[in-house]
């Protein structure tokens, strides 16, 4: 499993959530990340998910 950093923000820029998520690959993160967003009711908030190399996997403004 690989570790990914997830962050979500309010429109003001205030940090809501900062968590480490684990997925087997970038592809799995792209597929299953949106499900985790729905579970946490954060899909409409500004958010990003990056891998340990800093590659942007998911992003929403």
PDB file of N, CA and C in Angstrom:
ATOM      1  N   UNK A   1       0.842  -1.189   0.000  1.00  0.00           N
ATOM      2  CA  UNK A   1       0.000   0.000   0.000  1.00  0.00           C
ATOM      3  C   UNK A   1       0.883   1.248   0.000  1.00  0.00           C
ATOM      4  N   UNK A   2       0.414   2.242  -0.714  1.00  0.00           N
ATOM      5  CA  UNK A   2       1.107   3.529  -0.784  1.00  0.00           C
ATOM      6  C   UNK A   2       0.301   4.565  -0.006  1.00  0.00           C
ATOM      7  N   UNK A   3       0.999   5.521   0.571  1.00  0.00           N
ATOM      8  CA  UNK A   3       0.357   6.567   1.347  1.00  0.00           C
ATOM      9  C   UNK A   3       0.127   7.794   0.479  1.00  0.00           C
ATOM     10  N   UNK A   4      -1.064   8.366   0.604  1.00  0.00           N
ATOM     11  CA  UNK A   4      -1.452   9.572  -0.127  1.00  0.00           C
ATOM     12  C   UNK A   4      -1.912  10.609   0.889  1.00  0.00           C
ATOM     13  N   UNK A   5      -1.607  11.883   0.627  1.00  0.00           N
ATOM     14  CA  UNK A   5      -2.012  12.968   1.527  1.00  0.00           C
ATOM     15  C   UNK A   5      -3.271  13.612   0.970  1.00  0.00           C
ATOM     16  N   UNK A   6      -4.332  13.626   1.783  1.00  0.00           N
ATOM     17  CA  UNK A   6      -5.593  14.257   1.409  1.00  0.00           C
ATOM     18  C   UNK A   6      -5.785  15.508   2.239  1.00  0.00           C
ATOM     19  N   UNK A   7      -6.173  16.599   1.577  1.00  0.00           N
ATOM     20  CA  UNK A   7      -6.502  17.839   2.281  1.00  0.00           C
ATOM     21  C   UNK A   7      -7.778  18.420   1.682  1.00  0.00           C
ATOM     22  N   UNK A   8      -8.612  19.014   2.548  1.00  0.00           N
ATOM     23  CA  UNK A   8      -9.845  19.688   2.123  1.00  0.00           C
ATOM     24  C   UNK A   8      -9.893  21.048   2.806  1.00  0.00           C
ATOM     25  N   UNK A   9     -10.461  22.019   2.084  1.00  0.00           N
ATOM     26  CA  UNK A   9     -10.476  23.405   2.546  1.00  0.00           C
ATOM     27  C   UNK A   9     -11.850  24.033   2.413  1.00  0.00           C
ATOM     28  N   UNK A  10     -12.111  25.018   3.272  1.00  0.00           N
ATOM     29  CA  UNK A  10     -13.282  25.877   3.136  1.00  0.00           C
ATOM     30  C   UNK A  10     -12.987  26.887   2.030  1.00  0.00           C
ATOM     31  N   UNK A  11     -14.010  27.557   1.479  1.00  0.00           N
ATOM     32  CA  UNK A  11     -13.773  28.589   0.463  1.00  0.00           C
ATOM     33  C   UNK A  11     -12.854  29.717   0.945  1.00  0.00           C
ATOM     34  N   UNK A  12     -12.803  29.920   2.246  1.00  0.00           N
ATOM     35  CA  UNK A  12     -11.938  30.957   2.821  1.00  0.00           C
ATOM     36  C   UNK A  12     -10.471  30.533   2.846  1.00  0.00           C
ATOM     37  N   UNK A  13     -10.208  29.259   2.586  1.00  0.00           N
ATOM     38  CA  UNK A  13      -8.852  28.737   2.646  1.00  0.00           C
ATOM     39  C   UNK A  13      -8.557  28.008   3.952  1.00  0.00           C
ATOM     40  N   UNK A  14      -9.496  28.046   4.893  1.00  0.00           N
ATOM     41  CA  UNK A  14      -9.317  27.369   6.175  1.00  0.00           C
ATOM     42  C   UNK A  14      -9.279  25.854   5.960  1.00  0.00           C
ATOM     43  N   UNK A  15      -8.294  25.205   6.542  1.00  0.00           N
ATOM     44  CA  UNK A  15      -8.141  23.759   6.437  1.00  0.00           C
ATOM     45  C   UNK A  15      -9.259  23.043   7.195  1.00  0.00           C
ATOM     46  N   UNK A  16      -9.931  22.125   6.520  1.00  0.00           N
ATOM     47  CA  UNK A  16     -10.989  21.325   7.149  1.00  0.00           C
ATOM     48  C   UNK A  16     -10.413  19.992   7.608  1.00  0.00           C
ATOM     49  N   UNK A  17      -9.739  19.308   6.694  1.00  0.00           N
ATOM     50  CA  UNK A  17      -9.234  17.958   6.950  1.00  0.00           C
ATOM     51  C   UNK A  17      -7.859  17.796   6.310  1.00  0.00           C
ATOM     52  N   UNK A  18      -6.983  17.112   7.031  1.00  0.00           N
ATOM     53  CA  UNK A  18      -5.696  16.695   6.479  1.00  0.00           C
ATOM     54  C   UNK A  18      -5.452  15.282   6.997  1.00  0.00           C
ATOM     55  N   UNK A  19      -5.459  14.314   6.069  1.00  0.00           N
ATOM     56  CA  UNK A  19      -5.346  12.909   6.452  1.00  0.00           C
ATOM     57  C   UNK A  19      -4.423  12.177   5.494  1.00  0.00           C
ATOM     58  N   UNK A  20      -3.908  11.056   5.963  1.00  0.00           N
ATOM     59  CA  UNK A  20      -3.186  10.132   5.096  1.00  0.00           C
ATOM     60  C   UNK A  20      -4.137   9.009   4.726  1.00  0.00           C
ATOM     61  N   UNK A  21      -4.236   8.741   3.430  1.00  0.00           N
ATOM     62  CA  UNK A  21      -5.052   7.645   2.920  1.00  0.00           C
ATOM     63  C   UNK A  21      -4.119   6.636   2.274  1.00  0.00           C
ATOM     64  N   UNK A  22      -4.490   5.383   2.276  1.00  0.00           N
ATOM     65  CA  UNK A  22      -3.675   4.334   1.661  1.00  0.00           C
ATOM     66  C   UNK A  22      -4.414   3.661   0.515  1.00  0.00           C
ATOM     67  N   UNK A  23      -3.696   3.517  -0.584  1.00  0.00           N
ATOM     68  CA  UNK A  23      -4.196   2.824  -1.767  1.00  0.00           C
ATOM     69  C   UNK A  23      -3.056   2.004  -2.342  1.00  0.00           C
ATOM     70  N   UNK A  24      -3.376   1.000  -3.124  1.00  0.00           N
ATOM     71  CA  UNK A  24      -2.364   0.134  -3.723  1.00  0.00           C
ATOM     72  C   UNK A  24      -1.603   0.839  -4.851  1.00  0.00           C
ATOM     73  N   UNK A  25      -2.274   1.775  -5.551  1.00  0.00           N
ATOM     74  CA  UNK A  25      -1.647   2.441  -6.693  1.00  0.00           C
ATOM     75  C   UNK A  25      -2.349   3.767  -6.969  1.00  0.00           C
ATOM     76  N   UNK A  26      -1.752   4.569  -7.854  1.00  0.00           N
ATOM     77  CA  UNK A  26      -2.383   5.825  -8.257  1.00  0.00           C
ATOM     78  C   UNK A  26      -3.723   5.563  -8.921  1.00  0.00           C
ATOM     79  N   UNK A  27      -3.792   4.504  -9.702  1.00  0.00           N
ATOM     80  CA  UNK A  27      -5.037   4.164 -10.388  1.00  0.00           C
ATOM     81  C   UNK A  27      -6.145   3.842  -9.385  1.00  0.00           C
ATOM     82  N   UNK A  28      -5.799   3.068  -8.350  1.00  0.00           N
ATOM     83  CA  UNK A  28      -6.792   2.742  -7.325  1.00  0.00           C
ATOM     84  C   UNK A  28      -7.205   4.015  -6.575  1.00  0.00           C
ATOM     85  N   UNK A  29      -6.261   4.907  -6.315  1.00  0.00           N
ATOM     86  CA  UNK A  29      -6.571   6.167  -5.637  1.00  0.00           C
ATOM     87  C   UNK A  29      -7.568   6.984  -6.460  1.00  0.00           C
ATOM     88  N   UNK A  30      -7.403   7.013  -7.788  1.00  0.00           N
ATOM     89  CA  UNK A  30      -8.325   7.737  -8.666  1.00  0.00           C
ATOM     90  C   UNK A  30      -9.710   7.101  -8.662  1.00  0.00           C
ATOM     91  N   UNK A  31      -9.756   5.776  -8.562  1.00  0.00           N
ATOM     92  CA  UNK A  31     -11.032   5.065  -8.583  1.00  0.00           C
ATOM     93  C   UNK A  31     -11.756   5.112  -7.244  1.00  0.00           C
ATOM     94  N   UNK A  32     -11.030   4.878  -6.162  1.00  0.00           N
ATOM     95  CA  UNK A  32     -11.659   4.761  -4.838  1.00  0.00           C
ATOM     96  C   UNK A  32     -11.658   6.046  -4.028  1.00  0.00           C
ATOM     97  N   UNK A  33     -10.818   7.000  -4.407  1.00  0.00           N
ATOM     98  CA  UNK A  33     -10.771   8.285  -3.707  1.00  0.00           C
ATOM     99  C   UNK A  33     -12.110   8.999  -3.678  1.00  0.00           C
ATOM    100  N   UNK A  34     -12.810   9.088  -4.825  1.00  0.00           N
ATOM    101  CA  UNK A  34     -14.125   9.743  -4.807  1.00  0.00           C
ATOM    102  C   UNK A  34     -15.131   9.082  -3.863  1.00  0.00           C
ATOM    103  N   UNK A  35     -15.032   7.774  -3.685  1.00  0.00           N
ATOM    104  CA  UNK A  35     -15.924   7.094  -2.734  1.00  0.00           C
ATOM    105  C   UNK A  35     -15.657   7.559  -1.305  1.00  0.00           C
ATOM    106  N   UNK A  36     -14.374   7.704  -0.964  1.00  0.00           N
ATOM    107  CA  UNK A  36     -14.020   8.190   0.376  1.00  0.00           C
ATOM    108  C   UNK A  36     -14.498   9.627   0.572  1.00  0.00           C
ATOM    109  N   UNK A  37     -14.418  10.419  -0.483  1.00  0.00           N
ATOM    110  CA  UNK A  37     -14.906  11.799  -0.410  1.00  0.00           C
ATOM    111  C   UNK A  37     -16.402  11.826  -0.118  1.00  0.00           C
ATOM    112  N   UNK A  38     -17.156  10.975  -0.780  1.00  0.00           N
ATOM    113  CA  UNK A  38     -18.603  10.905  -0.557  1.00  0.00           C
ATOM    114  C   UNK A  38     -18.905  10.473   0.881  1.00  0.00           C
ATOM    115  N   UNK A  39     -18.171   9.468   1.375  1.00  0.00           N
ATOM    116  CA  UNK A  39     -18.375   8.987   2.745  1.00  0.00           C
ATOM    117  C   UNK A  39     -18.170  10.107   3.759  1.00  0.00           C
ATOM    118  N   UNK A  40     -17.189  10.959   3.506  1.00  0.00           N
ATOM    119  CA  UNK A  40     -16.843  12.033   4.438  1.00  0.00           C
ATOM    120  C   UNK A  40     -17.595  13.329   4.131  1.00  0.00           C
ATOM    121  N   UNK A  41     -18.483  13.288   3.108  1.00  0.00           N
ATOM    122  CA  UNK A  41     -19.271  14.447   2.690  1.00  0.00           C
ATOM    123  C   UNK A  41     -18.364  15.637   2.343  1.00  0.00           C
ATOM    124  N   UNK A  42     -17.283  15.360   1.604  1.00  0.00           N
ATOM    125  CA  UNK A  42     -16.333  16.407   1.221  1.00  0.00           C
ATOM    126  C   UNK A  42     -16.180  16.555  -0.286  1.00  0.00           C
ATOM    127  N   UNK A  43     -17.003  15.873  -1.052  1.00  0.00           N
ATOM    128  CA  UNK A  43     -16.817  15.887  -2.500  1.00  0.00           C
ATOM    129  C   UNK A  43     -17.027  17.262  -3.124  1.00  0.00           C
ATOM    130  N   UNK A  44     -17.822  18.122  -2.501  1.00  0.00           N
ATOM    131  CA  UNK A  44     -18.059  19.463  -3.048  1.00  0.00           C
ATOM    132  C   UNK A  44     -17.163  20.525  -2.424  1.00  0.00           C
ATOM    133  N   UNK A  45     -16.335  20.145  -1.483  1.00  0.00           N
ATOM    134  CA  UNK A  45     -15.376  21.080  -0.890  1.00  0.00           C
ATOM    135  C   UNK A  45     -14.116  21.106  -1.746  1.00  0.00           C
ATOM    136  N   UNK A  46     -13.379  22.200  -1.667  1.00  0.00           N
ATOM    137  CA  UNK A  46     -12.090  22.244  -2.340  1.00  0.00           C
ATOM    138  C   UNK A  46     -11.190  21.204  -1.696  1.00  0.00           C
ATOM    139  N   UNK A  47     -10.606  20.338  -2.526  1.00  0.00           N
ATOM    140  CA  UNK A  47      -9.777  19.261  -1.975  1.00  0.00           C
ATOM    141  C   UNK A  47      -8.703  18.840  -2.967  1.00  0.00           C
ATOM    142  N   UNK A  48      -7.721  18.116  -2.436  1.00  0.00           N
ATOM    143  CA  UNK A  48      -6.672  17.538  -3.276  1.00  0.00           C
ATOM    144  C   UNK A  48      -6.163  16.259  -2.631  1.00  0.00           C
ATOM    145  N   UNK A  49      -5.697  15.365  -3.487  1.00  0.00           N
ATOM    146  CA  UNK A  49      -5.083  14.115  -3.055  1.00  0.00           C
ATOM    147  C   UNK A  49      -3.787  13.984  -3.841  1.00  0.00           C
ATOM    148  N   UNK A  50      -2.673  13.861  -3.127  1.00  0.00           N
ATOM    149  CA  UNK A  50      -1.369  13.744  -3.781  1.00  0.00           C
ATOM    150  C   UNK A  50      -0.640  12.511  -3.280  1.00  0.00           C
ATOM    151  N   UNK A  51       0.216  11.955  -4.153  1.00  0.00           N
ATOM    152  CA  UNK A  51       1.032  10.814  -3.728  1.00  0.00           C
ATOM    153  C   UNK A  51       2.300  11.317  -3.039  1.00  0.00           C
ATOM    154  N   UNK A  52       3.148  10.427  -2.593  1.00  0.00           N
ATOM    155  CA  UNK A  52       4.340  10.824  -1.836  1.00  0.00           C
ATOM    156  C   UNK A  52       5.340  11.605  -2.679  1.00  0.00           C
ATOM    157  N   UNK A  53       5.266  11.476  -3.998  1.00  0.00           N
ATOM    158  CA  UNK A  53       6.144  12.240  -4.889  1.00  0.00           C
ATOM    159  C   UNK A  53       5.567  13.626  -5.176  1.00  0.00           C
ATOM    160  N   UNK A  54       4.374  13.911  -4.662  1.00  0.00           N
ATOM    161  CA  UNK A  54       3.732  15.200  -4.883  1.00  0.00           C
ATOM    162  C   UNK A  54       2.865  15.257  -6.128  1.00  0.00           C
ATOM    163  N   UNK A  55       2.685  14.129  -6.798  1.00  0.00           N
ATOM    164  CA  UNK A  55       1.839  14.081  -8.000  1.00  0.00           C
ATOM    165  C   UNK A  55       0.374  14.246  -7.592  1.00  0.00           C
ATOM    166  N   UNK A  56      -0.312  15.156  -8.271  1.00  0.00           N
ATOM    167  CA  UNK A  56      -1.714  15.419  -8.000  1.00  0.00           C
ATOM    168  C   UNK A  56      -2.566  14.290  -8.573  1.00  0.00           C
ATOM    169  N   UNK A  57      -3.323  13.621  -7.708  1.00  0.00           N
ATOM    170  CA  UNK A  57      -4.166  12.494  -8.103  1.00  0.00           C
ATOM    171  C   UNK A  57      -5.626  12.938  -8.273  1.00  0.00           C
ATOM    172  N   UNK A  58      -6.146  13.651  -7.301  1.00  0.00           N
ATOM    173  CA  UNK A  58      -7.495  14.207  -7.357  1.00  0.00           C
ATOM    174  C   UNK A  58      -7.427  15.673  -6.969  1.00  0.00           C
ATOM    175  N   UNK A  59      -8.297  16.494  -7.598  1.00  0.00           N
ATOM    176  CA  UNK A  59      -8.328  17.911  -7.278  1.00  0.00           C
ATOM    177  C   UNK A  59      -9.708  18.461  -7.609  1.00  0.00           C
ATOM    178  N   UNK A  60     -10.235  19.292  -6.726  1.00  0.00           N
ATOM    179  CA  UNK A  60     -11.531  19.935  -6.967  1.00  0.00           C
ATOM    180  C   UNK A  60     -11.500  21.306  -6.327  1.00  0.00           C
ATOM    181  N   UNK A  61     -11.987  22.316  -7.073  1.00  0.00           N
ATOM    182  CA  UNK A  61     -12.065  23.686  -6.539  1.00  0.00           C
ATOM    183  C   UNK A  61     -13.503  24.017  -6.293  1.00  0.00           C
TER     184      UNK A  61
END
